[in-house]
């Protein structure tokens, strides 16, 4: 079973690749899922969302694409929370979206090898990718801006008895607690959640962590 929820791409960050390649690797869908599952597990991945160029009507209620669904283009965005913070990978190098997903799985495997040889200690290679993604148009101009948005959304969902969280506290070390709370509320599978709000949360925490 897929380790992620399919969602449509609301807006592609930047320009699409004009001249895509045919992938030089070949693997079944099952092998791609097995590799991706393994790497996501090693990262402690949660709330994994795969955005594809399909319409909302192409995706079933269980979060999987319909049998005859076809993507408008092969670009994909894979976003998830991890032990290194929120991570997001955007790829449209190859002419099949399945191959672009395998490329991400292979890249995660290669990045993990950096830890294997003792070059890094805290997953800096993953956070380096996160810093690159931060500049693809999050809508937040600063960490302060992102913290203000998180504070407001936290207040929207806070129930009587829940602790208050201020923007200052988010900036001073409570970002992870606020993120976990909001991730449960804003995830596309949650009642009242949405893909757009969940992705914005990833961008907010990336801006603050960065």
N, C-alpha and C. Protein backbone atom coordinates (compact mmCIF):
# COMPACT_ATOMS: atom_id res chain seq x y z
N UNK A 1 0.85 -1.20 0.00
CA UNK A 1 0.00 0.00 0.00
C UNK A 1 0.88 1.24 0.00
N UNK A 2 0.43 2.30 -0.66
CA UNK A 2 1.21 3.53 -0.74
C UNK A 2 1.42 4.13 0.66
N UNK A 3 2.64 4.61 0.94
CA UNK A 3 2.92 5.21 2.25
C UNK A 3 2.53 6.68 2.32
N UNK A 4 1.69 7.14 1.38
CA UNK A 4 1.37 8.55 1.30
C UNK A 4 -0.07 8.73 0.85
N UNK A 5 -0.54 9.96 0.97
CA UNK A 5 -1.85 10.35 0.46
C UNK A 5 -1.65 11.15 -0.82
N UNK A 6 -2.36 10.80 -1.88
CA UNK A 6 -2.30 11.57 -3.12
C UNK A 6 -3.13 12.84 -2.97
N UNK A 7 -2.59 13.95 -3.47
CA UNK A 7 -3.33 15.20 -3.54
C UNK A 7 -3.00 15.90 -4.85
N UNK A 8 -3.90 16.72 -5.38
CA UNK A 8 -3.58 17.48 -6.60
C UNK A 8 -2.53 18.55 -6.31
N UNK A 9 -1.78 18.93 -7.32
CA UNK A 9 -0.86 20.06 -7.20
C UNK A 9 -1.67 21.34 -7.39
N UNK A 10 -1.64 22.23 -6.41
CA UNK A 10 -2.40 23.47 -6.55
C UNK A 10 -1.64 24.48 -7.40
N UNK A 11 -0.32 24.54 -7.21
CA UNK A 11 0.49 25.46 -8.00
C UNK A 11 1.90 24.92 -8.08
N UNK A 12 2.43 24.79 -9.30
CA UNK A 12 3.80 24.30 -9.46
C UNK A 12 4.79 25.41 -9.12
N UNK A 13 5.78 25.12 -8.25
CA UNK A 13 6.74 26.16 -7.88
C UNK A 13 7.75 26.41 -9.00
N UNK A 14 7.69 27.55 -9.61
CA UNK A 14 8.61 27.86 -10.70
C UNK A 14 8.09 27.37 -12.04
N UNK A 15 9.01 27.16 -12.99
CA UNK A 15 8.64 26.72 -14.33
C UNK A 15 8.84 25.22 -14.48
N UNK A 16 7.97 24.61 -15.26
CA UNK A 16 8.10 23.19 -15.55
C UNK A 16 9.27 22.96 -16.50
N UNK A 17 9.90 21.80 -16.39
CA UNK A 17 10.99 21.43 -17.29
C UNK A 17 10.45 21.25 -18.71
N UNK A 18 11.10 21.85 -19.68
CA UNK A 18 10.62 21.77 -21.06
C UNK A 18 11.04 20.48 -21.75
N UNK A 19 12.27 20.05 -21.52
CA UNK A 19 12.79 18.87 -22.19
C UNK A 19 13.11 17.81 -21.14
N UNK A 20 12.15 16.96 -20.91
CA UNK A 20 12.33 15.93 -19.89
C UNK A 20 13.08 14.71 -20.46
N UNK A 21 13.65 13.95 -19.55
CA UNK A 21 14.42 12.78 -19.93
C UNK A 21 13.61 11.51 -19.71
N UNK A 22 14.00 10.48 -20.43
CA UNK A 22 13.50 9.15 -20.09
C UNK A 22 14.42 8.60 -19.01
N UNK A 23 13.84 8.05 -17.96
CA UNK A 23 14.64 7.58 -16.83
C UNK A 23 15.63 6.50 -17.25
N UNK A 24 16.84 6.59 -16.70
CA UNK A 24 17.87 5.59 -17.00
C UNK A 24 17.76 4.38 -16.07
N UNK A 25 16.85 4.43 -15.12
CA UNK A 25 16.62 3.30 -14.23
C UNK A 25 15.25 2.70 -14.52
N UNK A 26 15.08 1.46 -14.16
CA UNK A 26 13.82 0.77 -14.41
C UNK A 26 13.46 -0.07 -13.19
N UNK A 27 12.23 0.06 -12.74
CA UNK A 27 11.79 -0.72 -11.58
C UNK A 27 10.28 -0.78 -11.57
N UNK A 28 9.74 -1.82 -10.99
CA UNK A 28 8.29 -1.94 -10.87
C UNK A 28 7.77 -0.96 -9.83
N UNK A 29 6.47 -0.69 -9.89
CA UNK A 29 5.84 0.19 -8.91
C UNK A 29 6.02 -0.37 -7.50
N UNK A 30 5.93 -1.69 -7.36
CA UNK A 30 6.09 -2.31 -6.06
C UNK A 30 7.48 -2.08 -5.48
N UNK A 31 8.51 -2.17 -6.32
CA UNK A 31 9.88 -1.95 -5.85
C UNK A 31 10.10 -0.49 -5.47
N UNK A 32 9.50 0.42 -6.25
CA UNK A 32 9.61 1.84 -5.91
C UNK A 32 8.97 2.12 -4.56
N UNK A 33 7.77 1.57 -4.33
CA UNK A 33 7.09 1.78 -3.05
C UNK A 33 7.88 1.18 -1.90
N UNK A 34 8.47 -0.01 -2.12
CA UNK A 34 9.24 -0.66 -1.06
C UNK A 34 10.45 0.19 -0.67
N UNK A 35 11.15 0.73 -1.67
CA UNK A 35 12.32 1.56 -1.39
C UNK A 35 11.90 2.84 -0.69
N UNK A 36 10.86 3.49 -1.20
CA UNK A 36 10.40 4.74 -0.60
C UNK A 36 9.93 4.51 0.83
N UNK A 37 9.18 3.44 1.04
CA UNK A 37 8.70 3.10 2.38
C UNK A 37 9.86 2.94 3.35
N UNK A 38 10.89 2.25 2.89
CA UNK A 38 12.06 2.00 3.74
C UNK A 38 12.73 3.31 4.13
N UNK A 39 12.94 4.18 3.15
CA UNK A 39 13.62 5.45 3.43
C UNK A 39 12.78 6.37 4.29
N UNK A 40 11.47 6.40 4.05
CA UNK A 40 10.59 7.23 4.88
C UNK A 40 10.58 6.72 6.32
N UNK A 41 10.59 5.40 6.47
CA UNK A 41 10.62 4.83 7.81
C UNK A 41 11.90 5.22 8.54
N UNK A 42 13.03 5.18 7.84
CA UNK A 42 14.31 5.53 8.46
C UNK A 42 14.34 7.00 8.88
N UNK A 43 13.57 7.82 8.18
CA UNK A 43 13.51 9.25 8.50
C UNK A 43 12.46 9.57 9.57
N UNK A 44 11.69 8.54 9.97
CA UNK A 44 10.60 8.80 10.91
C UNK A 44 9.52 9.67 10.29
N UNK A 45 9.25 9.46 9.00
CA UNK A 45 8.33 10.33 8.26
C UNK A 45 6.90 10.18 8.75
N UNK A 46 6.19 11.31 8.79
CA UNK A 46 4.78 11.34 9.17
C UNK A 46 4.04 12.27 8.21
N UNK A 47 2.74 12.06 8.09
CA UNK A 47 1.89 12.95 7.29
C UNK A 47 2.46 13.12 5.88
N UNK A 48 2.72 12.02 5.22
CA UNK A 48 3.35 12.05 3.89
C UNK A 48 2.29 12.34 2.83
N UNK A 49 2.53 13.37 2.03
CA UNK A 49 1.60 13.77 0.97
C UNK A 49 2.35 13.80 -0.35
N UNK A 50 1.80 13.09 -1.34
CA UNK A 50 2.36 13.12 -2.69
C UNK A 50 1.42 13.94 -3.57
N UNK A 51 1.91 15.07 -4.06
CA UNK A 51 1.10 15.91 -4.94
C UNK A 51 1.42 15.55 -6.40
N UNK A 52 0.36 15.29 -7.15
CA UNK A 52 0.50 14.95 -8.56
C UNK A 52 -0.41 15.86 -9.38
N UNK A 53 -0.13 15.96 -10.67
CA UNK A 53 -0.89 16.88 -11.53
C UNK A 53 -2.21 16.25 -11.97
N UNK A 54 -3.04 15.91 -11.01
CA UNK A 54 -4.36 15.36 -11.27
C UNK A 54 -5.41 16.28 -10.69
N UNK A 55 -6.64 16.07 -11.09
CA UNK A 55 -7.74 16.86 -10.56
C UNK A 55 -8.28 16.21 -9.30
N UNK A 56 -8.99 17.00 -8.50
CA UNK A 56 -9.58 16.47 -7.28
C UNK A 56 -10.49 15.28 -7.59
N UNK A 57 -11.20 15.36 -8.71
CA UNK A 57 -12.12 14.28 -9.08
C UNK A 57 -11.40 13.01 -9.49
N UNK A 58 -10.08 13.11 -9.77
CA UNK A 58 -9.30 11.93 -10.14
C UNK A 58 -8.86 11.12 -8.93
N UNK A 59 -9.05 11.67 -7.72
CA UNK A 59 -8.58 11.03 -6.51
C UNK A 59 -9.77 10.55 -5.68
N UNK A 60 -9.73 9.29 -5.30
CA UNK A 60 -10.82 8.70 -4.55
C UNK A 60 -10.85 9.20 -3.11
N UNK A 61 -11.91 8.88 -2.39
CA UNK A 61 -12.05 9.33 -1.00
C UNK A 61 -10.99 8.73 -0.10
N UNK A 62 -10.44 7.56 -0.48
CA UNK A 62 -9.41 6.94 0.35
C UNK A 62 -8.02 7.51 0.06
N UNK A 63 -7.95 8.56 -0.79
CA UNK A 63 -6.68 9.22 -1.05
C UNK A 63 -5.84 8.59 -2.12
N UNK A 64 -6.39 7.68 -2.92
CA UNK A 64 -5.64 7.04 -4.00
C UNK A 64 -6.24 7.44 -5.34
N UNK A 65 -5.44 7.51 -6.41
CA UNK A 65 -5.99 7.93 -7.71
C UNK A 65 -6.92 6.87 -8.30
N UNK A 66 -7.89 7.31 -9.06
CA UNK A 66 -8.78 6.37 -9.74
C UNK A 66 -8.00 5.61 -10.82
N UNK A 67 -8.51 4.44 -11.17
CA UNK A 67 -7.79 3.54 -12.08
C UNK A 67 -7.45 4.19 -13.41
N UNK A 68 -8.33 5.02 -13.94
CA UNK A 68 -8.11 5.62 -15.26
C UNK A 68 -7.58 7.06 -15.18
N UNK A 69 -7.20 7.49 -13.98
CA UNK A 69 -6.70 8.86 -13.83
C UNK A 69 -5.37 9.03 -14.53
N UNK A 70 -5.20 10.16 -15.20
CA UNK A 70 -3.96 10.48 -15.90
C UNK A 70 -3.47 11.86 -15.47
N UNK A 71 -2.19 11.98 -15.22
CA UNK A 71 -1.63 13.26 -14.80
C UNK A 71 -1.46 14.18 -16.00
N UNK A 72 -1.66 15.48 -15.80
CA UNK A 72 -1.49 16.47 -16.86
C UNK A 72 -0.01 16.64 -17.22
N UNK A 73 0.87 16.45 -16.26
CA UNK A 73 2.31 16.46 -16.51
C UNK A 73 2.95 15.57 -15.45
N UNK A 74 4.19 15.14 -15.63
CA UNK A 74 4.80 14.16 -14.72
C UNK A 74 5.43 14.74 -13.47
N UNK A 75 5.36 16.05 -13.27
CA UNK A 75 5.96 16.65 -12.08
C UNK A 75 5.27 16.21 -10.80
N UNK A 76 6.02 16.03 -9.73
CA UNK A 76 5.46 15.63 -8.43
C UNK A 76 6.11 16.45 -7.31
N UNK A 77 5.41 16.52 -6.19
CA UNK A 77 5.93 17.15 -4.97
C UNK A 77 5.67 16.18 -3.83
N UNK A 78 6.71 15.76 -3.14
CA UNK A 78 6.57 14.86 -1.99
C UNK A 78 6.92 15.66 -0.73
N UNK A 79 5.98 15.77 0.20
CA UNK A 79 6.18 16.56 1.42
C UNK A 79 5.83 15.71 2.63
N UNK A 80 6.62 15.86 3.70
CA UNK A 80 6.35 15.10 4.92
C UNK A 80 7.10 15.71 6.09
N UNK A 81 6.63 15.39 7.29
CA UNK A 81 7.34 15.75 8.51
C UNK A 81 8.31 14.62 8.82
N UNK A 82 9.48 14.97 9.38
CA UNK A 82 10.49 13.96 9.70
C UNK A 82 11.21 14.34 10.99
N UNK A 83 12.10 13.46 11.44
CA UNK A 83 12.86 13.77 12.64
C UNK A 83 13.82 14.94 12.42
N UNK A 84 14.04 15.30 11.15
CA UNK A 84 14.89 16.44 10.83
C UNK A 84 14.08 17.70 10.54
N UNK A 85 12.76 17.63 10.76
CA UNK A 85 11.89 18.74 10.42
C UNK A 85 11.12 18.45 9.15
N UNK A 86 10.32 19.39 8.68
CA UNK A 86 9.55 19.18 7.45
C UNK A 86 10.46 19.15 6.23
N UNK A 87 10.20 18.23 5.33
CA UNK A 87 10.99 18.10 4.10
C UNK A 87 10.05 18.09 2.90
N UNK A 88 10.53 18.65 1.80
CA UNK A 88 9.72 18.70 0.57
C UNK A 88 10.63 18.57 -0.63
N UNK A 89 10.25 17.68 -1.56
CA UNK A 89 11.05 17.44 -2.76
C UNK A 89 10.17 17.61 -3.99
N UNK A 90 10.64 18.42 -4.91
CA UNK A 90 9.90 18.73 -6.14
C UNK A 90 10.71 18.25 -7.33
N UNK A 91 10.14 17.36 -8.17
CA UNK A 91 10.88 16.77 -9.29
C UNK A 91 9.98 16.66 -10.52
N UNK A 92 10.48 17.12 -11.66
CA UNK A 92 9.82 16.85 -12.94
C UNK A 92 10.86 16.57 -14.03
N UNK A 93 11.96 15.93 -13.62
CA UNK A 93 13.07 15.66 -14.53
C UNK A 93 12.69 14.64 -15.60
N UNK A 94 11.91 13.63 -15.21
CA UNK A 94 11.62 12.51 -16.10
C UNK A 94 10.21 12.57 -16.66
N UNK A 95 9.98 11.79 -17.72
CA UNK A 95 8.72 11.91 -18.45
C UNK A 95 7.58 11.07 -17.88
N UNK A 96 7.81 10.38 -16.77
CA UNK A 96 6.75 9.65 -16.06
C UNK A 96 6.79 10.04 -14.59
N UNK A 97 5.62 10.32 -14.01
CA UNK A 97 5.63 10.75 -12.62
C UNK A 97 6.10 9.63 -11.70
N UNK A 98 5.86 8.37 -12.10
CA UNK A 98 6.34 7.25 -11.30
C UNK A 98 7.87 7.24 -11.23
N UNK A 99 8.52 7.61 -12.35
CA UNK A 99 9.99 7.66 -12.36
C UNK A 99 10.50 8.82 -11.51
N UNK A 100 9.77 9.92 -11.51
CA UNK A 100 10.17 11.05 -10.66
C UNK A 100 10.07 10.68 -9.19
N UNK A 101 9.06 9.88 -8.85
CA UNK A 101 8.94 9.44 -7.46
C UNK A 101 10.09 8.49 -7.11
N UNK A 102 10.46 7.61 -8.03
CA UNK A 102 11.59 6.71 -7.76
C UNK A 102 12.88 7.52 -7.61
N UNK A 103 13.01 8.58 -8.39
CA UNK A 103 14.20 9.43 -8.27
C UNK A 103 14.31 9.99 -6.86
N UNK A 104 13.19 10.39 -6.27
CA UNK A 104 13.21 10.90 -4.90
C UNK A 104 13.62 9.80 -3.93
N UNK A 105 13.06 8.60 -4.12
CA UNK A 105 13.42 7.48 -3.25
C UNK A 105 14.91 7.17 -3.33
N UNK A 106 15.47 7.18 -4.53
CA UNK A 106 16.89 6.93 -4.71
C UNK A 106 17.74 8.04 -4.09
N UNK A 107 17.26 9.28 -4.21
CA UNK A 107 17.98 10.41 -3.62
C UNK A 107 18.00 10.31 -2.10
N UNK A 108 16.87 9.91 -1.50
CA UNK A 108 16.82 9.74 -0.05
C UNK A 108 17.77 8.64 0.41
N UNK A 109 17.84 7.59 -0.39
CA UNK A 109 18.76 6.50 -0.07
C UNK A 109 20.21 7.00 -0.12
N UNK A 110 20.52 7.80 -1.13
CA UNK A 110 21.88 8.34 -1.26
C UNK A 110 22.21 9.31 -0.13
N UNK A 111 21.24 10.14 0.25
CA UNK A 111 21.47 11.08 1.34
C UNK A 111 21.72 10.36 2.66
N UNK A 112 21.03 9.26 2.86
CA UNK A 112 21.25 8.49 4.09
C UNK A 112 22.65 7.90 4.14
N UNK A 113 23.21 7.60 2.97
CA UNK A 113 24.57 7.06 2.92
C UNK A 113 25.59 8.04 3.48
N UNK A 114 25.28 9.34 3.42
CA UNK A 114 26.19 10.33 3.97
C UNK A 114 26.36 10.11 5.47
N UNK A 115 25.26 9.81 6.17
CA UNK A 115 25.34 9.49 7.59
C UNK A 115 26.10 8.19 7.83
N UNK A 116 25.91 7.23 6.92
CA UNK A 116 26.52 5.91 7.08
C UNK A 116 28.04 6.02 7.15
N UNK A 117 28.62 6.97 6.41
CA UNK A 117 30.07 7.12 6.40
C UNK A 117 30.58 8.15 7.40
N UNK A 118 29.70 8.61 8.26
CA UNK A 118 30.12 9.48 9.35
C UNK A 118 30.42 10.91 8.96
N UNK A 119 29.93 11.34 7.80
CA UNK A 119 30.21 12.70 7.36
C UNK A 119 29.36 13.70 8.14
N UNK A 120 28.13 13.34 8.46
CA UNK A 120 27.25 14.22 9.23
C UNK A 120 26.77 13.48 10.47
N UNK A 121 26.24 14.23 11.42
CA UNK A 121 25.77 13.65 12.68
C UNK A 121 24.29 13.92 12.93
N UNK A 122 23.76 14.98 12.34
CA UNK A 122 22.39 15.40 12.66
C UNK A 122 21.52 15.55 11.42
N UNK A 123 21.85 14.86 10.36
CA UNK A 123 21.02 14.93 9.17
C UNK A 123 21.12 16.24 8.44
N UNK A 124 22.30 16.89 8.48
CA UNK A 124 22.45 18.19 7.83
C UNK A 124 22.17 18.12 6.33
N UNK A 125 22.42 16.94 5.73
CA UNK A 125 22.19 16.83 4.29
C UNK A 125 20.72 16.97 3.94
N UNK A 126 19.82 16.55 4.85
CA UNK A 126 18.39 16.70 4.60
C UNK A 126 17.95 18.15 4.80
N UNK A 127 18.46 18.77 5.86
CA UNK A 127 18.07 20.15 6.13
C UNK A 127 18.63 21.10 5.08
N UNK A 128 19.72 20.70 4.42
CA UNK A 128 20.23 21.49 3.31
C UNK A 128 19.23 21.52 2.17
N UNK A 129 18.62 20.37 1.88
CA UNK A 129 17.58 20.33 0.85
C UNK A 129 16.38 21.16 1.28
N UNK A 130 16.08 21.12 2.59
CA UNK A 130 14.94 21.89 3.08
C UNK A 130 15.18 23.38 2.88
N UNK A 131 16.42 23.84 3.09
CA UNK A 131 16.74 25.25 2.92
C UNK A 131 16.57 25.68 1.48
N UNK A 132 16.89 24.80 0.55
CA UNK A 132 16.68 25.10 -0.87
C UNK A 132 15.19 25.25 -1.17
N UNK A 133 14.39 24.33 -0.63
CA UNK A 133 12.95 24.38 -0.89
C UNK A 133 12.31 25.62 -0.29
N UNK A 134 12.94 26.17 0.76
CA UNK A 134 12.38 27.34 1.43
C UNK A 134 12.21 28.51 0.48
N UNK A 135 13.01 28.56 -0.57
CA UNK A 135 13.00 29.71 -1.46
C UNK A 135 12.15 29.50 -2.71
N UNK A 136 11.22 28.53 -2.67
CA UNK A 136 10.39 28.25 -3.85
C UNK A 136 9.03 28.93 -3.77
N UNK A 137 8.87 29.89 -2.85
CA UNK A 137 7.62 30.65 -2.83
C UNK A 137 6.68 30.25 -1.73
N UNK A 138 7.11 30.32 -0.47
CA UNK A 138 6.28 29.91 0.65
C UNK A 138 5.19 30.92 0.96
N UNK A 139 5.40 32.19 0.59
CA UNK A 139 4.44 33.22 0.93
C UNK A 139 4.80 33.92 2.23
N UNK A 140 5.80 33.42 2.98
CA UNK A 140 6.26 34.05 4.21
C UNK A 140 7.54 34.82 3.94
N UNK A 141 7.58 36.06 4.37
CA UNK A 141 8.76 36.88 4.13
C UNK A 141 9.83 36.69 5.20
N UNK A 142 9.45 36.16 6.38
CA UNK A 142 10.40 36.00 7.47
C UNK A 142 9.89 34.95 8.44
N UNK A 143 10.76 34.55 9.37
CA UNK A 143 10.36 33.62 10.42
C UNK A 143 9.28 34.24 11.30
N UNK A 144 9.38 35.54 11.55
CA UNK A 144 8.36 36.24 12.33
C UNK A 144 7.00 36.15 11.66
N UNK A 145 6.98 36.35 10.35
CA UNK A 145 5.75 36.27 9.57
C UNK A 145 5.14 34.87 9.68
N UNK A 146 5.99 33.84 9.58
CA UNK A 146 5.52 32.46 9.68
C UNK A 146 4.99 32.15 11.08
N UNK A 147 5.67 32.68 12.11
CA UNK A 147 5.25 32.44 13.49
C UNK A 147 3.91 33.11 13.78
N UNK A 148 3.68 34.29 13.21
CA UNK A 148 2.39 34.97 13.38
C UNK A 148 1.27 34.13 12.80
N UNK A 149 1.51 33.56 11.61
CA UNK A 149 0.48 32.72 10.98
C UNK A 149 0.21 31.48 11.83
N UNK A 150 1.28 30.82 12.35
CA UNK A 150 1.09 29.64 13.18
C UNK A 150 0.35 29.97 14.47
N UNK A 151 0.67 31.11 15.06
CA UNK A 151 -0.02 31.53 16.28
C UNK A 151 -1.52 31.69 16.03
N UNK A 152 -1.86 32.32 14.92
CA UNK A 152 -3.28 32.55 14.60
C UNK A 152 -4.00 31.23 14.32
N UNK A 153 -3.36 30.35 13.58
CA UNK A 153 -4.01 29.07 13.27
C UNK A 153 -4.13 28.22 14.54
N UNK A 154 -3.13 28.30 15.42
CA UNK A 154 -3.19 27.58 16.70
C UNK A 154 -4.40 28.06 17.50
N UNK A 155 -4.58 29.37 17.56
CA UNK A 155 -5.72 29.93 18.30
C UNK A 155 -7.05 29.51 17.68
N UNK A 156 -7.07 29.35 16.35
CA UNK A 156 -8.30 28.93 15.68
C UNK A 156 -8.77 27.55 16.15
N UNK A 157 -7.81 26.69 16.49
CA UNK A 157 -8.15 25.30 16.84
C UNK A 157 -8.04 25.01 18.33
N UNK A 158 -7.47 25.94 19.09
CA UNK A 158 -7.28 25.70 20.53
C UNK A 158 -8.61 25.58 21.24
N UNK A 159 -8.71 24.58 22.10
CA UNK A 159 -9.93 24.34 22.87
C UNK A 159 -9.74 24.86 24.30
N UNK A 160 -10.86 25.10 25.01
CA UNK A 160 -10.74 25.52 26.41
C UNK A 160 -9.89 24.50 27.18
N UNK A 161 -8.93 24.99 27.92
CA UNK A 161 -8.04 24.10 28.66
C UNK A 161 -6.71 23.86 27.98
N UNK A 162 -6.66 24.09 26.66
CA UNK A 162 -5.39 23.95 25.94
C UNK A 162 -4.49 25.14 26.27
N UNK A 163 -3.19 24.87 26.36
CA UNK A 163 -2.25 25.95 26.64
C UNK A 163 -2.20 26.93 25.48
N UNK A 164 -1.97 28.19 25.79
CA UNK A 164 -1.79 29.19 24.76
C UNK A 164 -0.35 29.14 24.26
N UNK A 165 -0.16 29.45 22.99
CA UNK A 165 1.18 29.51 22.41
C UNK A 165 1.29 30.83 21.65
N UNK A 166 2.30 31.62 21.98
CA UNK A 166 2.49 32.90 21.33
C UNK A 166 3.54 32.80 20.23
N UNK A 167 3.58 33.80 19.37
CA UNK A 167 4.58 33.80 18.31
C UNK A 167 5.99 33.82 18.88
N UNK A 168 6.17 34.53 20.01
CA UNK A 168 7.49 34.58 20.64
C UNK A 168 7.92 33.20 21.11
N UNK A 169 6.98 32.45 21.69
CA UNK A 169 7.30 31.10 22.14
C UNK A 169 7.60 30.18 20.97
N UNK A 170 6.87 30.34 19.88
CA UNK A 170 7.13 29.53 18.68
C UNK A 170 8.54 29.80 18.17
N UNK A 171 8.93 31.05 18.15
CA UNK A 171 10.27 31.40 17.67
C UNK A 171 11.36 30.97 18.65
N UNK A 172 11.01 30.88 19.96
CA UNK A 172 12.01 30.57 20.98
C UNK A 172 12.11 29.09 21.33
N UNK A 173 11.42 28.23 20.57
CA UNK A 173 11.62 26.80 20.83
C UNK A 173 10.38 25.94 20.89
N UNK A 174 9.19 26.54 20.83
CA UNK A 174 7.97 25.74 20.88
C UNK A 174 7.40 25.47 19.49
N UNK A 175 8.18 25.73 18.46
CA UNK A 175 7.67 25.54 17.10
C UNK A 175 7.27 24.09 16.86
N UNK A 176 8.06 23.14 17.36
CA UNK A 176 7.76 21.72 17.14
C UNK A 176 6.44 21.33 17.77
N UNK A 177 6.18 21.82 19.01
CA UNK A 177 4.92 21.50 19.68
C UNK A 177 3.74 22.08 18.91
N UNK A 178 3.88 23.33 18.49
CA UNK A 178 2.80 23.97 17.73
C UNK A 178 2.62 23.27 16.39
N UNK A 179 3.73 22.86 15.77
CA UNK A 179 3.65 22.17 14.49
C UNK A 179 2.89 20.85 14.62
N UNK A 180 3.22 20.05 15.63
CA UNK A 180 2.56 18.76 15.82
C UNK A 180 1.06 18.94 16.02
N UNK A 181 0.70 19.95 16.83
CA UNK A 181 -0.72 20.24 17.07
C UNK A 181 -1.43 20.62 15.78
N UNK A 182 -0.82 21.54 15.00
CA UNK A 182 -1.45 22.00 13.77
C UNK A 182 -1.44 20.94 12.68
N UNK A 183 -0.40 20.09 12.66
CA UNK A 183 -0.34 19.04 11.64
C UNK A 183 -1.53 18.10 11.76
N UNK A 184 -1.93 17.80 13.01
CA UNK A 184 -3.10 16.94 13.22
C UNK A 184 -4.38 17.61 12.75
N UNK A 185 -4.44 18.94 12.90
CA UNK A 185 -5.67 19.67 12.55
C UNK A 185 -5.75 19.99 11.06
N UNK A 186 -4.61 20.27 10.43
CA UNK A 186 -4.61 20.77 9.05
C UNK A 186 -4.37 19.70 8.01
N UNK A 187 -4.01 18.49 8.43
CA UNK A 187 -3.73 17.42 7.47
C UNK A 187 -4.97 17.19 6.59
N UNK A 188 -4.76 16.92 5.29
CA UNK A 188 -5.90 16.71 4.39
C UNK A 188 -6.88 15.63 4.84
N UNK A 189 -6.38 14.64 5.61
CA UNK A 189 -7.26 13.57 6.06
C UNK A 189 -8.08 13.95 7.30
N UNK A 190 -7.74 15.07 7.93
CA UNK A 190 -8.45 15.49 9.14
C UNK A 190 -9.70 16.28 8.77
N UNK A 191 -10.71 16.18 9.61
CA UNK A 191 -11.93 16.94 9.37
C UNK A 191 -11.63 18.43 9.43
N UNK A 192 -11.95 19.13 8.37
CA UNK A 192 -11.66 20.56 8.30
C UNK A 192 -10.28 20.89 7.80
N UNK A 193 -9.42 19.87 7.61
CA UNK A 193 -8.08 20.09 7.08
C UNK A 193 -8.10 20.25 5.58
N UNK A 194 -6.98 20.66 5.01
CA UNK A 194 -6.90 20.83 3.57
C UNK A 194 -5.46 20.71 3.11
N UNK A 195 -5.29 20.36 1.86
CA UNK A 195 -3.95 20.26 1.28
C UNK A 195 -3.23 21.60 1.34
N UNK A 196 -3.92 22.67 0.98
CA UNK A 196 -3.30 23.99 0.91
C UNK A 196 -2.79 24.43 2.29
N UNK A 197 -3.61 24.24 3.33
CA UNK A 197 -3.22 24.65 4.67
C UNK A 197 -2.07 23.79 5.19
N UNK A 198 -2.09 22.49 4.87
CA UNK A 198 -1.03 21.61 5.33
C UNK A 198 0.30 21.97 4.70
N UNK A 199 0.28 22.26 3.39
CA UNK A 199 1.52 22.65 2.72
C UNK A 199 2.02 23.98 3.27
N UNK A 200 1.10 24.90 3.57
CA UNK A 200 1.50 26.19 4.14
C UNK A 200 2.15 25.99 5.51
N UNK A 201 1.65 25.02 6.27
CA UNK A 201 2.26 24.71 7.55
C UNK A 201 3.70 24.22 7.36
N UNK A 202 3.93 23.37 6.35
CA UNK A 202 5.29 22.89 6.08
C UNK A 202 6.21 24.07 5.76
N UNK A 203 5.69 25.01 4.95
CA UNK A 203 6.49 26.17 4.59
C UNK A 203 6.78 27.05 5.80
N UNK A 204 5.80 27.18 6.69
CA UNK A 204 5.98 28.01 7.89
C UNK A 204 7.06 27.43 8.80
N UNK A 205 7.01 26.13 9.06
CA UNK A 205 7.98 25.53 9.97
C UNK A 205 9.35 25.49 9.32
N UNK A 206 9.41 25.36 8.00
CA UNK A 206 10.71 25.39 7.32
C UNK A 206 11.34 26.77 7.43
N UNK A 207 10.53 27.82 7.29
CA UNK A 207 11.04 29.18 7.42
C UNK A 207 11.56 29.43 8.84
N UNK A 208 10.82 28.97 9.84
CA UNK A 208 11.23 29.16 11.24
C UNK A 208 12.48 28.33 11.56
N UNK A 209 12.49 27.09 11.14
CA UNK A 209 13.64 26.21 11.42
C UNK A 209 14.88 26.66 10.68
N UNK A 210 14.65 27.23 9.46
CA UNK A 210 15.78 27.66 8.65
C UNK A 210 16.50 28.84 9.24
